[in-house]
């Protein structure tokens, strides 16, 4: 202020739109005046800088207002041995072992997750594994279970608190991985347990678009059919001859891809030399290999895309993720892992229609080994409202891609957060069936435990008021028949009695009459002219068994 002349000279050189707000005036200027003045002239670089910092400060304040309270990660396993798949049933063969390359990929992913989400992983209760805060789930395959174990090694580093009694150079195996039998896994591997999905695949393979794409790349498919290692996946066509069909091209791609993954860094490695044919990695020219990747990726996207799979394959796991988000603070997991497969991630993308909302995903690439789809749950420090953000890390990619929920969350915040109160009902509406039991009916699954338990519960829940019309008619007929039978028997006894069939009195009932001797007649009407009501009394004691035998058979009984 003591040198007011110098600032005046400097300010005079500034562009007019900004200088009129920086030169002192009598009226105090508000932040709204400054923003309007700067953005009224887009060419003013200084004002653009001011606007950038205002947005940055706003975003920083917004981030400080929201606290990260939960992270859920859906990963693809690491590199593995070759895997084959049936075109229609998706039945798998091989691929049961994670390679050392895959182990390291998952370990590095665990370290990356620990560093990125240090606000959670640095908490005392989660710095090491804690069953009340951490849940690690996996499909029942060795490659996904071992992937989860190696990820946990990177996520929860070795403890130095002296609690372990193992040697110093041994890592504690104290992180449990929860799995379901493959036939019961309707979340991670819903695509393998939905029988009606096979029908959808048949329709896809017969579609004109699929067959036209195959015809476009017929030369490459024919070349693949000539390699001896790919014979199990070939078929003969009338005109073109032997080839690997588009429906099975994944198998050819996987064999070559595994060979390149394990052999290109070190052709003499144990894993490379253990492959059936390591040389197949060089069977295709670089341009042909690039085309094969595109063809295989196209086929897999068609299989698990929205048009073929709908929401049946990714809906169950999304509902499980949503259920984890809605738990009360006492039961809220801080960290949840789903060690899964690339069809799991593709199915989630299809259910959310993520390809439409996120153009970078439209390249039709299969999620690479150790890819991760992450759901971050935030809580507002004041209102306690929860919001969700979705990010995707493709394989070894360092910087993840922030994804939009699209139509499932039409009104996200400026920071890309979707209010959970908005996401939950929209997501349940998007997942058309909305319930696992309805999914069981839609997929015609009658073998998974959850599907069987639903059938049993529906049967046990029925009572007389909920019986259907046929059941009620059956019960009514049985009751009516029983009542008619009882009434008929009672009527028959009355008729027999009224006819006055002769019978002998027992000894104790005729004691006084025996003393008097003689025959006597009695009845409701003592009229002698009415023999129908006469009762014959035998004089003396009760007859012997032989005498009783003289009675008619029906009276003896």
Protein backbone atom coordinates (compact mmCIF):
# COMPACT_ATOMS: atom_id res chain seq x y z
CA UNK A 1 0.00 0.00 0.00
CA UNK A 2 2.95 2.34 0.54
CA UNK A 3 3.83 1.92 -3.14
CA UNK A 4 0.44 2.36 -4.73
CA UNK A 5 1.81 3.82 -7.95
CA UNK A 6 3.55 0.61 -9.05
CA UNK A 7 0.48 -1.61 -8.81
CA UNK A 8 -1.48 0.96 -10.75
CA UNK A 9 1.08 0.85 -13.55
CA UNK A 10 1.09 -2.94 -13.61
CA UNK A 11 -2.67 -3.19 -13.57
CA UNK A 12 -2.98 -0.80 -16.46
CA UNK A 13 -1.32 -3.36 -18.73
CA UNK A 14 -3.88 -6.08 -17.90
CA UNK A 15 -6.74 -6.85 -20.29
CA UNK A 16 -9.80 -4.76 -19.64
CA UNK A 17 -12.30 -7.41 -18.44
CA UNK A 18 -10.17 -8.47 -15.50
CA UNK A 19 -8.54 -5.12 -14.69
CA UNK A 20 -11.84 -3.44 -14.00
CA UNK A 21 -12.34 -5.82 -11.10
CA UNK A 22 -8.80 -5.73 -9.80
CA UNK A 23 -8.51 -1.91 -9.61
CA UNK A 24 -9.85 -0.68 -6.26
CA UNK A 25 -13.40 0.63 -6.35
CA UNK A 26 -15.68 2.18 -3.84
CA UNK A 27 -18.15 -0.74 -3.96
CA UNK A 28 -16.94 -4.11 -2.65
CA UNK A 29 -17.08 -6.87 -5.23
CA UNK A 30 -18.55 -10.28 -4.59
CA UNK A 31 -17.22 -13.60 -5.86
CA UNK A 32 -20.19 -13.73 -8.24
CA UNK A 33 -19.03 -10.46 -9.85
CA UNK A 34 -15.53 -11.84 -10.35
CA UNK A 35 -16.75 -15.11 -11.89
CA UNK A 36 -19.15 -13.35 -14.25
CA UNK A 37 -16.48 -10.87 -15.30
CA UNK A 38 -13.88 -13.54 -15.99
CA UNK A 39 -16.09 -15.93 -17.93
CA UNK A 40 -17.65 -13.14 -19.99
CA UNK A 41 -14.37 -13.06 -21.98
CA UNK A 42 -13.28 -16.64 -22.81
CA UNK A 43 -10.09 -15.49 -24.52
CA UNK A 44 -8.73 -14.02 -21.33
CA UNK A 45 -6.15 -16.60 -20.17
CA UNK A 46 -5.82 -15.11 -16.72
CA UNK A 47 -9.53 -15.42 -16.09
CA UNK A 48 -9.48 -19.02 -17.28
CA UNK A 49 -6.78 -19.74 -14.73
CA UNK A 50 -8.91 -18.12 -12.05
CA UNK A 51 -11.87 -20.27 -13.08
CA UNK A 52 -9.76 -23.41 -13.03
CA UNK A 53 -8.62 -22.78 -9.48
CA UNK A 54 -12.15 -22.01 -8.36
CA UNK A 55 -13.35 -25.36 -9.75
CA UNK A 56 -10.37 -27.12 -8.21
CA UNK A 57 -11.04 -25.63 -4.79
CA UNK A 58 -14.72 -26.56 -5.10
CA UNK A 59 -13.86 -30.16 -5.99
CA UNK A 60 -11.36 -30.33 -3.14
CA UNK A 61 -13.94 -29.08 -0.68
CA UNK A 62 -16.43 -31.60 -2.03
CA UNK A 63 -13.95 -34.44 -1.60
CA UNK A 64 -13.25 -33.39 1.97
CA UNK A 65 -16.97 -33.37 2.70
CA UNK A 66 -17.38 -36.98 1.52
CA UNK A 67 -15.57 -39.78 3.36
CA UNK A 68 -14.69 -43.05 1.66
CA UNK A 69 -16.23 -45.81 3.80
CA UNK A 70 -16.20 -48.87 1.52
CA UNK A 71 -14.41 -50.30 -1.51
CA UNK A 72 -15.73 -53.27 -3.50
CA UNK A 73 -13.53 -54.74 -6.24
CA UNK A 74 -14.43 -57.22 -8.99
CA UNK A 75 -11.22 -58.59 -10.52
CA UNK A 76 -10.20 -60.91 -13.29
CA UNK A 77 -7.70 -63.57 -12.24
CA UNK A 78 -4.03 -63.37 -13.25
CA UNK A 79 -2.25 -65.12 -16.11
CA UNK A 80 -2.91 -68.88 -16.22
CA UNK A 81 -2.36 -72.00 -18.25
CA UNK A 82 -4.40 -72.50 -21.47
CA UNK A 83 -8.18 -72.77 -21.19
CA UNK A 84 -10.76 -74.22 -23.58
CA UNK A 85 -14.50 -73.50 -23.71
CA UNK A 86 -17.44 -75.21 -25.37
CA UNK A 87 -19.34 -72.91 -27.72
CA UNK A 88 -22.84 -73.59 -26.39
CA UNK A 89 -22.54 -74.85 -22.80
CA UNK A 90 -19.37 -72.85 -21.97
CA UNK A 91 -18.04 -75.96 -20.25
CA UNK A 92 -14.36 -75.42 -19.49
CA UNK A 93 -11.28 -77.59 -19.75
CA UNK A 94 -7.80 -76.83 -18.43
CA UNK A 95 -6.84 -73.38 -17.18
CA UNK A 96 -6.80 -74.54 -13.58
CA UNK A 97 -3.41 -73.22 -12.56
CA UNK A 98 -2.18 -69.67 -12.08
CA UNK A 99 1.32 -69.12 -13.46
CA UNK A 100 4.06 -67.19 -11.60
CA UNK A 101 3.30 -64.28 -13.93
CA UNK A 102 -0.31 -64.33 -12.78
CA UNK A 103 0.72 -64.50 -9.14
CA UNK A 104 2.85 -61.38 -9.53
CA UNK A 105 0.09 -59.56 -11.41
CA UNK A 106 -2.34 -60.08 -8.54
CA UNK A 107 0.25 -59.18 -5.92
CA UNK A 108 1.00 -55.92 -7.72
CA UNK A 109 -2.73 -55.22 -7.97
CA UNK A 110 -3.02 -55.66 -4.21
CA UNK A 111 -0.23 -53.13 -3.64
CA UNK A 112 -1.85 -50.67 -6.07
CA UNK A 113 -5.19 -50.97 -4.27
CA UNK A 114 -3.55 -50.51 -0.85
CA UNK A 115 -1.78 -47.36 -1.98
CA UNK A 116 -4.75 -45.86 -3.83
CA UNK A 117 -7.16 -46.44 -0.96
CA UNK A 118 -4.78 -45.73 1.90
CA UNK A 119 -7.54 -43.86 3.73
CA UNK A 120 -9.12 -47.28 4.33
CA UNK A 121 -6.16 -49.65 4.33
CA UNK A 122 -4.29 -47.50 6.86
CA UNK A 123 -7.02 -47.79 9.46
CA UNK A 124 -5.95 -49.77 12.53
CA UNK A 125 -8.83 -52.22 12.20
CA UNK A 126 -8.00 -53.03 8.56
CA UNK A 127 -4.23 -52.58 8.41
CA UNK A 128 -4.17 -56.37 8.52
CA UNK A 129 -6.98 -58.81 7.80
CA UNK A 130 -10.06 -58.33 10.00
CA UNK A 131 -13.05 -60.61 9.47
CA UNK A 132 -15.51 -57.95 10.57
CA UNK A 133 -14.21 -55.39 8.06
CA UNK A 134 -12.93 -57.49 5.14
CA UNK A 135 -14.70 -60.05 2.94
CA UNK A 136 -12.83 -61.88 0.18
CA UNK A 137 -14.95 -64.01 -2.15
CA UNK A 138 -13.93 -66.09 -5.14
CA UNK A 139 -15.34 -68.54 -7.62
CA UNK A 140 -14.45 -72.17 -6.91
CA UNK A 141 -11.62 -72.39 -9.45
CA UNK A 142 -7.97 -72.65 -8.49
CA UNK A 143 -6.96 -69.72 -10.70
CA UNK A 144 -9.34 -67.30 -8.94
CA UNK A 145 -8.70 -68.59 -5.40
CA UNK A 146 -4.92 -68.29 -5.79
CA UNK A 147 -5.40 -64.87 -7.40
CA UNK A 148 -7.32 -63.70 -4.33
CA UNK A 149 -4.59 -65.05 -2.05
CA UNK A 150 -1.84 -63.21 -3.90
CA UNK A 151 -3.88 -60.00 -4.02
CA UNK A 152 -4.34 -60.29 -0.25
CA UNK A 153 -0.56 -60.53 0.19
CA UNK A 154 -0.17 -57.16 -1.51
CA UNK A 155 -3.22 -55.64 0.16
CA UNK A 156 -2.30 -56.74 3.69
CA UNK A 157 1.51 -56.64 4.03
CA UNK A 158 3.43 -58.81 6.42
CA UNK A 159 2.89 -57.98 10.08
CA UNK A 160 5.87 -57.28 12.32
CA UNK A 161 4.02 -57.21 15.64
CA UNK A 162 5.40 -60.56 16.79
CA UNK A 163 1.97 -62.21 16.72
CA UNK A 164 3.09 -64.96 14.35
CA UNK A 165 4.91 -68.05 15.58
CA UNK A 166 6.06 -68.95 12.06
CA UNK A 167 9.67 -68.42 10.93
CA UNK A 168 10.57 -64.85 10.03
CA UNK A 169 10.81 -65.57 6.31
CA UNK A 170 7.38 -67.25 6.10
CA UNK A 171 4.24 -65.30 5.25
CA UNK A 172 1.19 -66.02 7.37
CA UNK A 173 -1.72 -67.61 5.49
CA UNK A 174 -4.38 -66.14 7.72
CA UNK A 175 -6.67 -64.52 5.13
CA UNK A 176 -9.64 -66.80 4.31
CA UNK A 177 -11.14 -66.86 0.81
CA UNK A 178 -14.85 -67.76 0.71
CA UNK A 179 -16.20 -69.77 -2.22
CA UNK A 180 -19.32 -71.58 -3.38
CA UNK A 181 -19.52 -74.79 -5.37
CA UNK A 182 -19.59 -73.93 -9.05
CA UNK A 183 -23.15 -75.21 -9.44
CA UNK A 184 -24.29 -72.91 -6.62
CA UNK A 185 -22.44 -69.79 -7.78
CA UNK A 186 -25.23 -67.64 -9.20
CA UNK A 187 -23.34 -64.37 -8.55
CA UNK A 188 -19.80 -64.49 -9.92
CA UNK A 189 -20.51 -67.22 -12.48
CA UNK A 190 -24.17 -66.66 -13.26
CA UNK A 191 -23.32 -67.03 -16.95
CA UNK A 192 -22.34 -70.69 -16.36
CA UNK A 193 -25.48 -71.54 -14.35
CA UNK A 194 -28.22 -70.07 -16.54
CA UNK A 195 -29.48 -72.85 -18.88
CA UNK A 196 -31.57 -70.46 -20.96
CA UNK A 197 -28.38 -68.53 -21.82
CA UNK A 198 -27.40 -71.48 -24.02
CA UNK A 199 -30.53 -70.85 -26.08
CA UNK A 200 -29.51 -67.22 -26.50
CA UNK A 201 -26.06 -68.32 -27.68
CA UNK A 202 -27.60 -70.63 -30.29
CA UNK A 203 -29.63 -67.72 -31.62
CA UNK A 204 -26.50 -65.54 -31.72
CA UNK A 205 -24.49 -68.08 -33.68
CA UNK A 206 -27.28 -68.35 -36.27
CA UNK A 207 -27.80 -64.60 -36.60
CA UNK A 208 -26.95 -62.96 -39.91
CA UNK A 209 -24.65 -60.41 -38.25
CA UNK A 210 -22.55 -63.09 -36.56
CA UNK A 211 -22.27 -65.23 -39.70
CA UNK A 212 -21.44 -62.18 -41.82
CA UNK A 213 -18.60 -61.21 -39.46
CA UNK A 214 -17.29 -64.76 -39.66
CA UNK A 215 -17.36 -64.68 -43.44
CA UNK A 216 -15.41 -61.40 -43.45
CA UNK A 217 -12.51 -63.07 -41.62
CA UNK A 218 -12.76 -66.47 -43.25
CA UNK A 219 -9.12 -66.43 -44.46
CA UNK A 220 -7.76 -66.02 -40.94
CA UNK A 221 -10.11 -68.68 -39.56
CA UNK A 222 -8.94 -71.08 -42.30
CA UNK A 223 -5.29 -70.48 -41.43
CA UNK A 224 -6.03 -71.22 -37.78
CA UNK A 225 -7.67 -74.46 -38.84
CA UNK A 226 -4.40 -75.67 -40.42
CA UNK A 227 -2.39 -75.68 -37.17
CA UNK A 228 -2.24 -79.14 -35.52
CA UNK A 229 -2.59 -77.73 -31.98
CA UNK A 230 -5.96 -76.21 -32.92
CA UNK A 231 -7.50 -79.38 -34.41
CA UNK A 232 -9.87 -79.93 -31.46
CA UNK A 233 -11.60 -76.63 -32.30
CA UNK A 234 -11.97 -77.03 -36.06
CA UNK A 235 -14.83 -78.13 -38.27
CA UNK A 236 -15.30 -78.88 -41.97
CA UNK A 237 -17.40 -76.57 -44.13
CA UNK A 238 -18.74 -77.61 -47.58
CA UNK A 239 -17.05 -74.85 -49.57
CA UNK A 240 -14.32 -73.28 -47.43
CA UNK A 241 -13.07 -76.55 -45.94
CA UNK A 242 -11.40 -76.82 -42.52
CA UNK A 243 -11.49 -73.81 -40.22
CA UNK A 244 -11.92 -72.62 -36.64
CA UNK A 245 -15.49 -71.26 -36.48
CA UNK A 246 -16.15 -67.86 -34.95
CA UNK A 247 -18.06 -69.49 -32.09
CA UNK A 248 -14.85 -71.33 -31.03
CA UNK A 249 -12.24 -68.76 -32.03
CA UNK A 250 -11.70 -67.89 -28.34
CA UNK A 251 -9.87 -71.22 -27.90
CA UNK A 252 -7.36 -70.43 -30.66
CA UNK A 253 -6.85 -66.91 -29.32
CA UNK A 254 -6.28 -68.16 -25.77
CA UNK A 255 -3.66 -70.76 -26.71
CA UNK A 256 -1.63 -68.20 -28.66
CA UNK A 257 -2.13 -65.49 -26.03
CA UNK A 258 -0.92 -67.74 -23.20
CA UNK A 259 2.17 -68.67 -25.22
CA UNK A 260 2.97 -65.01 -25.89
CA UNK A 261 2.38 -64.08 -22.22
CA UNK A 262 4.66 -66.78 -20.83
CA UNK A 263 7.30 -67.10 -23.58
CA UNK A 264 7.91 -63.62 -24.99
CA UNK A 265 9.72 -62.31 -21.88
CA UNK A 266 11.74 -65.53 -21.43
CA UNK A 267 11.47 -68.38 -23.98
CA UNK A 268 13.45 -70.64 -21.64
CA UNK A 269 11.21 -70.16 -18.60
CA UNK A 270 9.72 -73.22 -16.94
CA UNK A 271 6.17 -72.10 -17.72
CA UNK A 272 6.96 -71.53 -21.40
CA UNK A 273 8.64 -74.90 -21.86
CA UNK A 274 5.74 -76.63 -20.07
CA UNK A 275 3.24 -75.51 -22.72
CA UNK A 276 2.08 -78.11 -25.27
CA UNK A 277 3.47 -76.06 -28.18
CA UNK A 278 5.41 -72.91 -27.21
CA UNK A 279 6.18 -72.17 -30.88
CA UNK A 280 2.54 -71.39 -31.64
CA UNK A 281 3.16 -67.87 -30.35
CA UNK A 282 4.88 -67.10 -33.68
CA UNK A 283 2.38 -68.89 -35.92
CA UNK A 284 0.65 -65.66 -36.97
CA UNK A 285 2.22 -62.55 -38.39
CA UNK A 286 1.93 -59.38 -36.23
CA UNK A 287 -0.88 -58.02 -38.39
CA UNK A 288 -2.73 -61.35 -38.29
CA UNK A 289 -2.35 -61.51 -34.51
CA UNK A 290 -3.84 -58.01 -34.19
CA UNK A 291 -6.81 -59.09 -36.34
CA UNK A 292 -7.28 -62.28 -34.29
CA UNK A 293 -7.47 -60.21 -31.11
CA UNK A 294 -10.19 -58.06 -32.66
CA UNK A 295 -12.12 -61.12 -33.89
CA UNK A 296 -11.95 -62.93 -30.54
CA UNK A 297 -12.89 -59.81 -28.61
CA UNK A 298 -15.83 -59.18 -30.92
CA UNK A 299 -17.11 -62.73 -30.39
CA UNK A 300 -16.89 -62.51 -26.59
CA UNK A 301 -18.57 -59.11 -26.49
CA UNK A 302 -21.38 -60.51 -28.59
CA UNK A 303 -21.81 -63.45 -26.21
CA UNK A 304 -21.90 -61.44 -23.00
CA UNK A 305 -23.28 -58.17 -24.37
CA UNK A 306 -26.59 -56.55 -23.55
CA UNK A 307 -28.30 -57.81 -26.71
CA UNK A 308 -27.60 -61.50 -26.01
CA UNK A 309 -27.26 -61.70 -22.22
CA UNK A 310 -29.56 -58.88 -21.14
CA UNK A 311 -29.34 -58.37 -17.38
CA UNK A 312 -29.45 -62.04 -16.38
CA UNK A 313 -25.70 -62.55 -16.12
CA UNK A 314 -24.59 -59.43 -14.24
CA UNK A 315 -27.68 -58.63 -12.22
CA UNK A 316 -27.12 -61.00 -9.30
CA UNK A 317 -23.62 -59.77 -8.46
CA UNK A 318 -24.73 -56.13 -8.81
CA UNK A 319 -27.58 -56.77 -6.37
CA UNK A 320 -25.07 -58.35 -3.99
CA UNK A 321 -22.80 -55.30 -4.29
CA UNK A 322 -25.80 -53.04 -3.67
CA UNK A 323 -26.77 -55.07 -0.62
CA UNK A 324 -23.27 -54.59 0.81
CA UNK A 325 -23.58 -50.83 0.31
CA UNK A 326 -26.90 -50.59 2.13
CA UNK A 327 -25.75 -52.24 5.36
CA UNK A 328 -25.87 -50.28 8.60
CA UNK A 329 -22.54 -48.97 9.95
CA UNK A 330 -22.29 -51.87 12.39
CA UNK A 331 -22.43 -54.46 9.59
CA UNK A 332 -20.75 -52.51 6.78
CA UNK A 333 -17.66 -54.14 5.29
CA UNK A 334 -14.84 -51.71 4.55
CA UNK A 335 -13.34 -53.95 1.91
CA UNK A 336 -15.00 -56.56 -0.35
CA UNK A 337 -13.32 -58.56 -3.11
CA UNK A 338 -14.93 -60.69 -5.82
CA UNK A 339 -12.16 -62.72 -7.48
CA UNK A 340 -13.83 -63.45 -10.78
CA UNK A 341 -13.48 -63.87 -14.55
CA UNK A 342 -13.65 -61.59 -17.58
CA UNK A 343 -17.25 -62.71 -18.42
CA UNK A 344 -18.24 -61.45 -14.94
CA UNK A 345 -16.94 -57.96 -15.74
CA UNK A 346 -18.45 -57.98 -19.23
CA UNK A 347 -21.80 -59.07 -17.77
CA UNK A 348 -21.76 -56.17 -15.29
CA UNK A 349 -20.99 -53.75 -18.13
CA UNK A 350 -23.89 -55.20 -20.12
CA UNK A 351 -26.33 -54.92 -17.21
CA UNK A 352 -25.39 -51.26 -16.64
CA UNK A 353 -25.25 -50.61 -20.40
CA UNK A 354 -21.84 -49.10 -19.67
CA UNK A 355 -20.70 -49.15 -23.28
CA UNK A 356 -23.34 -46.62 -24.27
CA UNK A 357 -22.50 -44.26 -21.39
CA UNK A 358 -18.71 -44.65 -21.64
CA UNK A 359 -17.25 -44.30 -25.18
CA UNK A 360 -13.73 -45.41 -24.12
CA UNK A 361 -15.16 -48.87 -23.40
CA UNK A 362 -16.55 -49.23 -26.92
CA UNK A 363 -13.28 -50.60 -28.27
CA UNK A 364 -14.57 -54.14 -27.65
CA UNK A 365 -11.56 -55.42 -25.75
CA UNK A 366 -11.69 -58.31 -23.31
CA UNK A 367 -10.65 -57.30 -19.77
CA UNK A 368 -7.01 -58.27 -19.43
CA UNK A 369 -5.47 -60.34 -16.66
CA UNK A 370 -5.70 -58.62 -13.25
CA UNK A 371 -8.24 -56.04 -14.45
CA UNK A 372 -10.37 -54.50 -11.70
CA UNK A 373 -13.82 -52.92 -11.67
CA UNK A 374 -14.11 -50.85 -8.48
CA UNK A 375 -17.15 -49.47 -6.64
CA UNK A 376 -16.32 -46.71 -4.15
CA UNK A 377 -18.85 -45.85 -1.45
CA UNK A 378 -18.73 -42.38 0.14
CA UNK A 379 -20.65 -40.88 3.04
CA UNK A 380 -21.48 -37.22 3.52
CA UNK A 381 -19.98 -35.92 6.74
CA UNK A 382 -23.07 -33.84 7.56
CA UNK A 383 -26.14 -35.51 6.10
CA UNK A 384 -24.72 -39.09 6.30
CA UNK A 385 -26.08 -39.72 2.80
CA UNK A 386 -24.12 -42.25 0.78
CA UNK A 387 -22.89 -41.89 -2.80
CA UNK A 388 -21.17 -44.26 -5.23
CA UNK A 389 -18.47 -43.89 -7.85
CA UNK A 390 -17.35 -46.56 -10.34
CA UNK A 391 -13.82 -46.78 -11.76
CA UNK A 392 -12.14 -49.36 -13.99
CA UNK A 393 -8.48 -50.41 -14.08
CA UNK A 394 -7.61 -52.30 -17.28
CA UNK A 395 -4.87 -54.85 -16.57
CA UNK A 396 -1.52 -53.18 -15.94
CA UNK A 397 -2.97 -49.71 -16.52
CA UNK A 398 -1.82 -47.37 -13.75
CA UNK A 399 -4.47 -44.64 -13.98
CA UNK A 400 -8.01 -46.02 -13.70
CA UNK A 401 -10.88 -44.81 -15.84
CA UNK A 402 -13.80 -43.11 -14.09
CA UNK A 403 -17.02 -44.59 -15.45
CA UNK A 404 -20.53 -43.19 -15.66
CA UNK A 405 -23.52 -45.21 -14.50
CA UNK A 406 -25.46 -43.89 -17.48
CA UNK A 407 -29.23 -44.22 -17.30
CA UNK A 408 -28.99 -45.97 -13.93
CA UNK A 409 -27.84 -42.67 -12.43
CA UNK A 410 -29.11 -39.78 -14.60
CA UNK A 411 -28.14 -37.04 -12.13
CA UNK A 412 -24.62 -37.58 -10.73
CA UNK A 413 -22.79 -34.91 -8.75
CA UNK A 414 -20.05 -32.75 -10.33
CA UNK A 415 -17.46 -35.10 -8.81
CA UNK A 416 -19.07 -38.09 -10.54
CA UNK A 417 -20.74 -39.42 -7.42
CA UNK A 418 -24.15 -41.06 -7.72
CA UNK A 419 -26.44 -40.83 -4.66
CA UNK A 420 -27.14 -44.31 -3.36
CA UNK A 421 -30.76 -43.34 -2.77
CA UNK A 422 -31.02 -42.73 -6.53
CA UNK A 423 -28.86 -45.63 -7.69
CA UNK A 424 -30.55 -48.38 -5.65
CA UNK A 425 -34.10 -48.16 -7.03
CA UNK A 426 -32.87 -47.48 -10.56
CA UNK A 427 -30.57 -50.49 -10.47
CA UNK A 428 -33.27 -52.78 -9.12
CA UNK A 429 -35.54 -51.60 -11.91
CA UNK A 430 -32.82 -52.16 -14.51
CA UNK A 431 -32.25 -55.71 -13.25
CA UNK A 432 -35.58 -56.84 -14.65
CA UNK A 433 -36.07 -59.83 -12.35
CA UNK A 434 -34.93 -58.00 -9.19
CA UNK A 435 -34.72 -61.16 -7.09
CA UNK A 436 -32.63 -64.34 -7.19
CA UNK A 437 -35.73 -66.56 -7.09
CA UNK A 438 -37.15 -64.81 -10.14
CA UNK A 439 -33.74 -65.23 -11.79
CA UNK A 440 -33.93 -68.98 -11.11
CA UNK A 441 -37.22 -69.14 -13.00
CA UNK A 442 -35.98 -66.96 -15.85
CA UNK A 443 -32.87 -69.13 -16.24
CA UNK A 444 -34.77 -72.36 -15.52
CA UNK A 445 -32.21 -73.26 -12.89
CA UNK A 446 -33.52 -75.97 -10.55
CA UNK A 447 -30.19 -77.23 -9.21
CA UNK A 448 -28.50 -74.34 -7.40
CA UNK A 449 -29.07 -74.30 -3.64
CA UNK A 450 -30.62 -70.84 -3.67
CA UNK A 451 -33.06 -71.92 -6.37
CA UNK A 452 -33.97 -75.14 -4.53
CA UNK A 453 -34.43 -73.33 -1.22
CA UNK A 454 -36.84 -70.95 -2.92
CA UNK A 455 -38.89 -73.84 -4.27
CA UNK A 456 -39.03 -75.52 -0.85
CA UNK A 457 -39.98 -72.29 0.89
CA UNK A 458 -42.81 -71.69 -1.55
CA UNK A 459 -44.10 -75.23 -0.94
CA UNK A 460 -43.88 -74.99 2.87
CA UNK A 461 -45.53 -71.59 2.87
CA UNK A 462 -48.76 -72.88 1.43
CA UNK A 463 -51.71 -73.33 3.83
CA UNK A 464 -55.39 -74.01 3.40
CA UNK A 465 -56.09 -70.41 2.49
CA UNK A 466 -53.43 -70.35 -0.22
CA UNK A 467 -54.21 -73.69 -1.85
CA UNK A 468 -55.14 -73.52 -5.45
CA UNK A 469 -58.59 -74.45 -6.72
CA UNK A 470 -57.69 -78.03 -7.62
CA UNK A 471 -56.31 -78.69 -4.13
CA UNK A 472 -59.42 -77.26 -2.50
CA UNK A 473 -61.65 -79.40 -4.71
CA UNK A 474 -59.69 -82.53 -3.76
CA UNK A 475 -59.93 -81.80 -0.03
CA UNK A 476 -63.65 -81.08 -0.31
CA UNK A 477 -64.28 -84.36 -2.14
CA UNK A 478 -62.42 -86.38 0.51
CA UNK A 479 -64.29 -84.73 3.38
CA UNK A 480 -67.62 -85.21 1.62
CA UNK A 481 -66.86 -88.88 0.95
CA UNK A 482 -65.90 -89.49 4.60
CA UNK A 483 -69.02 -87.76 5.88
CA UNK A 484 -71.19 -89.76 3.49
CA UNK A 485 -69.61 -93.02 4.62
CA UNK A 486 -70.20 -92.28 8.30
CA UNK A 487 -73.79 -91.21 7.64
CA UNK A 488 -74.46 -94.34 5.58
CA UNK A 489 -73.17 -96.67 8.30
CA UNK A 490 -75.25 -94.92 10.95
CA UNK A 491 -78.39 -95.17 8.80
CA UNK A 492 -77.81 -98.90 8.22
CA UNK A 493 -77.62 -99.56 11.97
CA UNK A 494 -80.88 -97.72 12.55
CA UNK A 495 -82.64 -99.75 9.86
CA UNK A 496 -81.38 -103.04 11.35
CA UNK A 497 -82.64 -102.03 14.76
CA UNK A 498 -86.06 -101.03 13.49
CA UNK A 499 -86.51 -104.37 11.66
CA UNK A 500 -86.30 -106.14 15.05
CA UNK A 501 -83.75 -108.78 14.19
CA UNK A 502 -83.81 -111.49 17.01
CA UNK A 503 -80.96 -111.43 19.45
CA UNK A 504 -80.08 -113.04 22.80
CA UNK A 505 -79.70 -110.94 25.89
CA UNK A 506 -76.61 -111.25 27.98
CA UNK A 507 -76.79 -112.91 31.37
CA UNK A 508 -76.35 -109.78 33.43
CA UNK A 509 -79.18 -108.00 31.66
CA UNK A 510 -81.78 -110.73 32.19
CA UNK A 511 -81.08 -111.85 35.74
CA UNK A 512 -84.51 -110.88 37.17
CA UNK A 513 -86.41 -112.36 34.26
CA UNK A 514 -84.64 -115.73 34.59
CA UNK A 515 -85.88 -116.04 38.16
CA UNK A 516 -89.50 -115.68 37.05
CA UNK A 517 -89.08 -118.21 34.26
CA UNK A 518 -91.20 -118.54 31.18
CA UNK A 519 -91.28 -116.59 27.98
CA UNK A 520 -92.02 -112.95 27.84
CA UNK A 521 -92.53 -110.47 25.09
CA UNK A 522 -91.67 -106.81 25.21
CA UNK A 523 -90.94 -103.98 22.91
CA UNK A 524 -91.74 -100.40 22.21
CA UNK A 525 -95.22 -101.59 21.29
CA UNK A 526 -96.56 -104.72 23.05
CA UNK A 527 -99.19 -105.39 20.44
CA UNK A 528 -99.10 -109.15 19.72
CA UNK A 529 -100.25 -108.61 16.21
CA UNK A 530 -96.96 -106.91 15.38
CA UNK A 531 -94.27 -109.66 15.19
CA UNK A 532 -91.73 -107.22 13.80
CA UNK A 533 -91.12 -105.84 17.28
CA UNK A 534 -91.09 -109.10 19.24
CA UNK A 535 -88.00 -109.84 21.28
CA UNK A 536 -87.20 -113.47 22.00
CA UNK A 537 -85.89 -114.15 25.50
CA UNK A 538 -84.18 -117.45 26.28
CA UNK A 539 -85.10 -118.88 29.64
CA UNK A 540 -82.31 -119.63 32.05
CA UNK A 541 -78.60 -118.85 31.73
CA UNK A 542 -76.76 -117.42 28.81
CA UNK A 543 -76.36 -120.03 26.10
CA UNK A 544 -73.08 -121.83 25.60
CA UNK A 545 -70.77 -121.16 22.69
CA UNK A 546 -72.32 -124.06 20.83
CA UNK A 547 -75.80 -122.66 21.39
CA UNK A 548 -74.63 -119.25 20.18
CA UNK A 549 -73.40 -120.93 17.07
CA UNK A 550 -76.98 -121.63 16.12
CA UNK A 551 -77.59 -117.93 15.65
CA UNK A 552 -77.33 -116.41 12.19
CA UNK A 553 -73.81 -115.44 11.22
CA UNK A 554 -74.40 -111.69 11.24
CA UNK A 555 -75.75 -111.86 14.81
CA UNK A 556 -72.92 -114.05 16.07
CA UNK A 557 -70.50 -111.26 15.25
